[in-house]
Amino acid sequence: MGRGYVEEWKKKGYIMFPRRNKPDLKIYYDFMEDATKYVMYDKAKQIKIPTLILHGTEDEHIPVEHSEKLVQNLQNGSLVIIEGANHGLAVDGDYSFGKKLLLDWLREKN
């Protein structure tokens, strides 16, 4: 997420987040202000259950380095980087690969 994007979000007061097969989600800037009150990497250290993080190399909102740092702070975390996937984990509009990874992981843990 670029700096100009955040500044525009703050100025406008909200952003519209596109969702597949659903109306866009309106996210108010208060969300960002609240999120900055916490160091989520520290909070992640308290998570004890197995945790899977899927991250696309073409994610236009979150740098992959954030997920790499997050998984290092999890007690039982796994990170799978999906080549070519966007923030919604779609590769060329196809969401099936990310879904399959998640379902396979859940079956393995069950």
N, C-alpha and C. Protein backbone atom coordinates (compact mmCIF):
# COMPACT_ATOMS: atom_id res chain seq x y z
N MET A 1 0.85 -1.16 0.00
CA MET A 1 0.00 0.00 0.00
C MET A 1 0.90 1.23 0.00
N GLY A 2 0.85 2.01 -1.05
CA GLY A 2 1.72 3.16 -1.16
C GLY A 2 1.31 4.31 -0.26
N ARG A 3 2.25 5.17 0.02
CA ARG A 3 1.99 6.31 0.91
C ARG A 3 0.89 7.20 0.36
N GLY A 4 0.88 7.45 -0.93
CA GLY A 4 -0.16 8.29 -1.52
C GLY A 4 -1.54 7.69 -1.34
N TYR A 5 -1.62 6.38 -1.37
CA TYR A 5 -2.88 5.67 -1.17
C TYR A 5 -3.42 5.92 0.23
N VAL A 6 -2.54 5.83 1.22
CA VAL A 6 -2.96 6.05 2.61
C VAL A 6 -3.36 7.50 2.82
N GLU A 7 -2.61 8.43 2.25
CA GLU A 7 -2.96 9.85 2.38
C GLU A 7 -4.31 10.15 1.75
N GLU A 8 -4.59 9.54 0.60
CA GLU A 8 -5.89 9.72 -0.05
C GLU A 8 -7.00 9.13 0.80
N TRP A 9 -6.75 7.96 1.41
CA TRP A 9 -7.70 7.30 2.30
C TRP A 9 -8.04 8.23 3.47
N LYS A 10 -7.00 8.81 4.07
CA LYS A 10 -7.20 9.71 5.21
C LYS A 10 -7.99 10.95 4.81
N LYS A 11 -7.63 11.53 3.69
CA LYS A 11 -8.30 12.75 3.21
C LYS A 11 -9.78 12.48 2.91
N LYS A 12 -10.06 11.38 2.24
CA LYS A 12 -11.44 11.04 1.86
C LYS A 12 -12.23 10.51 3.06
N GLY A 13 -11.53 9.87 3.99
CA GLY A 13 -12.19 9.32 5.17
C GLY A 13 -12.55 7.86 5.06
N TYR A 14 -12.49 7.32 3.85
CA TYR A 14 -12.79 5.91 3.63
C TYR A 14 -12.23 5.47 2.28
N ILE A 15 -12.15 4.16 2.10
CA ILE A 15 -11.82 3.59 0.80
C ILE A 15 -12.88 2.54 0.48
N MET A 16 -13.04 2.26 -0.77
CA MET A 16 -13.93 1.19 -1.21
C MET A 16 -13.04 0.02 -1.61
N PHE A 17 -13.21 -1.09 -0.90
CA PHE A 17 -12.40 -2.28 -1.14
C PHE A 17 -13.21 -3.24 -2.01
N PRO A 18 -12.73 -3.52 -3.22
CA PRO A 18 -13.49 -4.40 -4.11
C PRO A 18 -13.48 -5.85 -3.61
N ARG A 19 -14.65 -6.50 -3.75
CA ARG A 19 -14.77 -7.91 -3.37
C ARG A 19 -15.40 -8.68 -4.53
N ARG A 20 -14.94 -9.89 -4.70
CA ARG A 20 -15.44 -10.74 -5.78
C ARG A 20 -16.87 -11.18 -5.47
N ASN A 21 -17.75 -10.99 -6.42
CA ASN A 21 -19.15 -11.43 -6.32
C ASN A 21 -19.92 -10.80 -5.17
N LYS A 22 -19.43 -9.70 -4.64
CA LYS A 22 -20.11 -9.00 -3.55
C LYS A 22 -19.94 -7.50 -3.78
N PRO A 23 -20.81 -6.69 -3.17
CA PRO A 23 -20.61 -5.23 -3.28
C PRO A 23 -19.28 -4.83 -2.62
N ASP A 24 -18.71 -3.74 -3.11
CA ASP A 24 -17.47 -3.22 -2.51
C ASP A 24 -17.69 -2.94 -1.03
N LEU A 25 -16.64 -3.11 -0.26
CA LEU A 25 -16.69 -2.89 1.18
C LEU A 25 -16.13 -1.50 1.49
N LYS A 26 -16.88 -0.72 2.23
CA LYS A 26 -16.44 0.62 2.63
C LYS A 26 -15.64 0.49 3.93
N ILE A 27 -14.36 0.89 3.87
CA ILE A 27 -13.49 0.80 5.05
C ILE A 27 -13.09 2.22 5.45
N TYR A 28 -13.51 2.62 6.62
CA TYR A 28 -13.24 3.97 7.12
C TYR A 28 -11.80 4.09 7.60
N TYR A 29 -11.27 5.29 7.53
CA TYR A 29 -9.88 5.53 7.95
C TYR A 29 -9.68 5.24 9.44
N ASP A 30 -10.75 5.28 10.23
CA ASP A 30 -10.65 4.92 11.65
C ASP A 30 -10.03 3.54 11.83
N PHE A 31 -10.29 2.65 10.90
CA PHE A 31 -9.72 1.30 10.93
C PHE A 31 -8.19 1.39 10.94
N MET A 32 -7.64 2.23 10.07
CA MET A 32 -6.19 2.39 10.00
C MET A 32 -5.65 3.02 11.28
N GLU A 33 -6.34 4.02 11.78
CA GLU A 33 -5.89 4.66 13.02
C GLU A 33 -5.89 3.67 14.18
N ASP A 34 -6.92 2.85 14.27
CA ASP A 34 -7.00 1.85 15.33
C ASP A 34 -5.90 0.82 15.18
N ALA A 35 -5.65 0.38 13.95
CA ALA A 35 -4.65 -0.66 13.69
C ALA A 35 -3.24 -0.20 14.08
N THR A 36 -2.97 1.10 13.97
CA THR A 36 -1.63 1.60 14.30
C THR A 36 -1.37 1.65 15.81
N LYS A 37 -2.39 1.38 16.61
CA LYS A 37 -2.22 1.38 18.07
C LYS A 37 -1.57 0.10 18.58
N TYR A 38 -1.47 -0.91 17.72
CA TYR A 38 -1.00 -2.22 18.14
C TYR A 38 0.21 -2.65 17.33
N VAL A 39 1.09 -3.41 17.96
CA VAL A 39 2.20 -4.03 17.27
C VAL A 39 1.78 -5.49 17.06
N MET A 40 1.27 -5.77 15.88
CA MET A 40 0.69 -7.09 15.63
C MET A 40 1.73 -8.21 15.67
N TYR A 41 2.97 -7.90 15.40
CA TYR A 41 4.00 -8.94 15.50
C TYR A 41 4.13 -9.42 16.95
N ASP A 42 4.00 -8.51 17.91
CA ASP A 42 4.03 -8.90 19.32
C ASP A 42 2.80 -9.72 19.67
N LYS A 43 1.64 -9.32 19.16
CA LYS A 43 0.41 -10.07 19.41
C LYS A 43 0.50 -11.47 18.82
N ALA A 44 1.16 -11.61 17.68
CA ALA A 44 1.28 -12.92 17.02
C ALA A 44 2.02 -13.92 17.90
N LYS A 45 2.92 -13.45 18.74
CA LYS A 45 3.67 -14.35 19.62
C LYS A 45 2.76 -15.09 20.59
N GLN A 46 1.56 -14.57 20.82
CA GLN A 46 0.61 -15.18 21.75
C GLN A 46 -0.26 -16.25 21.09
N ILE A 47 -0.22 -16.34 19.78
CA ILE A 47 -1.05 -17.31 19.06
C ILE A 47 -0.39 -18.67 19.12
N LYS A 48 -1.10 -19.63 19.67
CA LYS A 48 -0.54 -20.96 19.88
C LYS A 48 -1.01 -22.00 18.86
N ILE A 49 -2.12 -21.77 18.23
CA ILE A 49 -2.66 -22.75 17.29
C ILE A 49 -1.92 -22.69 15.96
N PRO A 50 -1.95 -23.78 15.19
CA PRO A 50 -1.34 -23.75 13.86
C PRO A 50 -1.98 -22.64 13.01
N THR A 51 -1.15 -21.91 12.33
CA THR A 51 -1.61 -20.76 11.55
C THR A 51 -0.97 -20.79 10.18
N LEU A 52 -1.80 -20.68 9.16
CA LEU A 52 -1.32 -20.65 7.78
C LEU A 52 -1.47 -19.25 7.23
N ILE A 53 -0.42 -18.75 6.64
CA ILE A 53 -0.46 -17.46 5.96
C ILE A 53 -0.21 -17.72 4.48
N LEU A 54 -1.15 -17.28 3.65
CA LEU A 54 -0.99 -17.36 2.20
C LEU A 54 -0.76 -15.93 1.71
N HIS A 55 0.25 -15.76 0.87
CA HIS A 55 0.57 -14.41 0.38
C HIS A 55 0.95 -14.49 -1.09
N GLY A 56 0.34 -13.63 -1.89
CA GLY A 56 0.64 -13.57 -3.32
C GLY A 56 1.78 -12.63 -3.63
N THR A 57 2.59 -13.00 -4.62
CA THR A 57 3.72 -12.15 -5.01
C THR A 57 3.26 -10.87 -5.68
N GLU A 58 2.02 -10.84 -6.16
CA GLU A 58 1.48 -9.64 -6.82
C GLU A 58 0.48 -8.91 -5.93
N ASP A 59 0.57 -9.12 -4.62
CA ASP A 59 -0.32 -8.42 -3.67
C ASP A 59 -0.04 -6.93 -3.76
N GLU A 60 -1.07 -6.18 -4.12
CA GLU A 60 -0.92 -4.74 -4.31
C GLU A 60 -1.15 -3.94 -3.03
N HIS A 61 -1.46 -4.61 -1.93
CA HIS A 61 -1.76 -3.92 -0.67
C HIS A 61 -0.76 -4.20 0.44
N ILE A 62 -0.30 -5.42 0.57
CA ILE A 62 0.57 -5.81 1.67
C ILE A 62 1.88 -6.37 1.13
N PRO A 63 3.01 -5.80 1.51
CA PRO A 63 4.30 -6.36 1.06
C PRO A 63 4.53 -7.75 1.65
N VAL A 64 5.12 -8.63 0.88
CA VAL A 64 5.37 -10.00 1.33
C VAL A 64 6.26 -10.02 2.58
N GLU A 65 7.09 -9.01 2.74
CA GLU A 65 7.96 -8.94 3.92
C GLU A 65 7.15 -8.90 5.21
N HIS A 66 5.95 -8.34 5.17
CA HIS A 66 5.11 -8.30 6.37
C HIS A 66 4.70 -9.71 6.77
N SER A 67 4.35 -10.53 5.79
CA SER A 67 3.97 -11.92 6.10
C SER A 67 5.18 -12.73 6.55
N GLU A 68 6.33 -12.45 5.96
CA GLU A 68 7.55 -13.15 6.37
C GLU A 68 7.89 -12.83 7.83
N LYS A 69 7.75 -11.58 8.21
CA LYS A 69 8.02 -11.19 9.59
C LYS A 69 6.96 -11.76 10.53
N LEU A 70 5.71 -11.76 10.10
CA LEU A 70 4.62 -12.29 10.92
C LEU A 70 4.83 -13.76 11.23
N VAL A 71 5.16 -14.55 10.22
CA VAL A 71 5.33 -16.00 10.44
C VAL A 71 6.49 -16.29 11.39
N GLN A 72 7.49 -15.43 11.41
CA GLN A 72 8.61 -15.61 12.34
C GLN A 72 8.19 -15.40 13.78
N ASN A 73 7.10 -14.67 13.99
CA ASN A 73 6.62 -14.39 15.34
C ASN A 73 5.53 -15.34 15.81
N LEU A 74 5.06 -16.21 14.94
CA LEU A 74 4.05 -17.19 15.31
C LEU A 74 4.72 -18.42 15.94
N GLN A 75 4.07 -18.99 16.93
CA GLN A 75 4.62 -20.19 17.57
C GLN A 75 4.55 -21.40 16.65
N ASN A 76 3.52 -21.45 15.82
CA ASN A 76 3.31 -22.62 14.96
C ASN A 76 2.75 -22.14 13.62
N GLY A 77 3.55 -21.34 12.92
CA GLY A 77 3.07 -20.74 11.68
C GLY A 77 3.73 -21.28 10.44
N SER A 78 3.00 -21.21 9.35
CA SER A 78 3.51 -21.59 8.04
C SER A 78 3.18 -20.49 7.05
N LEU A 79 4.09 -20.23 6.16
CA LEU A 79 3.88 -19.22 5.12
C LEU A 79 4.03 -19.88 3.77
N VAL A 80 3.03 -19.70 2.91
CA VAL A 80 3.10 -20.17 1.53
C VAL A 80 2.96 -18.93 0.65
N ILE A 81 3.95 -18.72 -0.20
CA ILE A 81 3.93 -17.59 -1.13
C ILE A 81 3.47 -18.12 -2.47
N ILE A 82 2.40 -17.51 -2.99
CA ILE A 82 1.80 -17.97 -4.25
C ILE A 82 2.27 -17.06 -5.38
N GLU A 83 3.05 -17.62 -6.26
CA GLU A 83 3.61 -16.87 -7.39
C GLU A 83 2.49 -16.34 -8.28
N GLY A 84 2.50 -15.04 -8.51
CA GLY A 84 1.54 -14.40 -9.41
C GLY A 84 0.20 -14.07 -8.80
N ALA A 85 -0.02 -14.42 -7.53
CA ALA A 85 -1.32 -14.18 -6.90
C ALA A 85 -1.43 -12.74 -6.39
N ASN A 86 -2.64 -12.20 -6.45
CA ASN A 86 -2.89 -10.85 -5.95
C ASN A 86 -3.31 -10.91 -4.48
N HIS A 87 -3.82 -9.80 -3.95
CA HIS A 87 -4.20 -9.73 -2.54
C HIS A 87 -5.32 -10.73 -2.20
N GLY A 88 -6.19 -11.00 -3.15
CA GLY A 88 -7.27 -11.97 -2.94
C GLY A 88 -6.85 -13.39 -3.27
N LEU A 89 -5.58 -13.59 -3.55
CA LEU A 89 -4.96 -14.88 -3.86
C LEU A 89 -5.36 -15.44 -5.22
N ALA A 90 -5.85 -14.59 -6.11
CA ALA A 90 -6.19 -15.01 -7.46
C ALA A 90 -4.97 -14.89 -8.36
N VAL A 91 -4.80 -15.89 -9.21
CA VAL A 91 -3.78 -15.85 -10.25
C VAL A 91 -4.52 -15.77 -11.58
N ASP A 92 -4.36 -14.66 -12.28
CA ASP A 92 -5.08 -14.43 -13.53
C ASP A 92 -6.58 -14.64 -13.36
N GLY A 93 -7.13 -14.15 -12.26
CA GLY A 93 -8.57 -14.25 -12.01
C GLY A 93 -9.03 -15.59 -11.47
N ASP A 94 -8.12 -16.54 -11.30
CA ASP A 94 -8.46 -17.88 -10.82
C ASP A 94 -8.12 -17.99 -9.33
N TYR A 95 -9.13 -18.23 -8.52
CA TYR A 95 -8.95 -18.32 -7.07
C TYR A 95 -8.74 -19.77 -6.60
N SER A 96 -8.78 -20.73 -7.48
CA SER A 96 -8.80 -22.13 -7.07
C SER A 96 -7.50 -22.58 -6.41
N PHE A 97 -6.35 -22.07 -6.82
CA PHE A 97 -5.09 -22.54 -6.25
C PHE A 97 -4.98 -22.20 -4.77
N GLY A 98 -5.28 -20.96 -4.41
CA GLY A 98 -5.24 -20.55 -3.01
C GLY A 98 -6.24 -21.33 -2.17
N LYS A 99 -7.44 -21.55 -2.72
CA LYS A 99 -8.45 -22.33 -2.00
C LYS A 99 -7.96 -23.75 -1.76
N LYS A 100 -7.35 -24.35 -2.79
CA LYS A 100 -6.86 -25.73 -2.66
C LYS A 100 -5.77 -25.81 -1.59
N LEU A 101 -4.86 -24.85 -1.58
CA LEU A 101 -3.80 -24.84 -0.55
C LEU A 101 -4.40 -24.79 0.84
N LEU A 102 -5.38 -23.92 1.03
CA LEU A 102 -6.02 -23.79 2.33
C LEU A 102 -6.74 -25.08 2.72
N LEU A 103 -7.52 -25.63 1.81
CA LEU A 103 -8.25 -26.87 2.13
C LEU A 103 -7.30 -28.04 2.42
N ASP A 104 -6.24 -28.16 1.65
CA ASP A 104 -5.26 -29.23 1.91
C ASP A 104 -4.63 -29.06 3.28
N TRP A 105 -4.32 -27.82 3.65
CA TRP A 105 -3.70 -27.54 4.94
C TRP A 105 -4.67 -27.87 6.07
N LEU A 106 -5.94 -27.48 5.90
CA LEU A 106 -6.95 -27.78 6.93
C LEU A 106 -7.15 -29.28 7.08
N ARG A 107 -7.16 -30.00 5.98
CA ARG A 107 -7.31 -31.47 6.06
C ARG A 107 -6.12 -32.09 6.78
N GLU A 108 -4.94 -31.57 6.51
CA GLU A 108 -3.73 -32.09 7.17
C GLU A 108 -3.77 -31.85 8.67
N LYS A 109 -4.31 -30.72 9.08
CA LYS A 109 -4.34 -30.38 10.51
C LYS A 109 -5.48 -31.08 11.24
N ASN A 110 -6.45 -31.58 10.52
CA ASN A 110 -7.62 -32.20 11.14
C ASN A 110 -7.45 -33.66 11.42
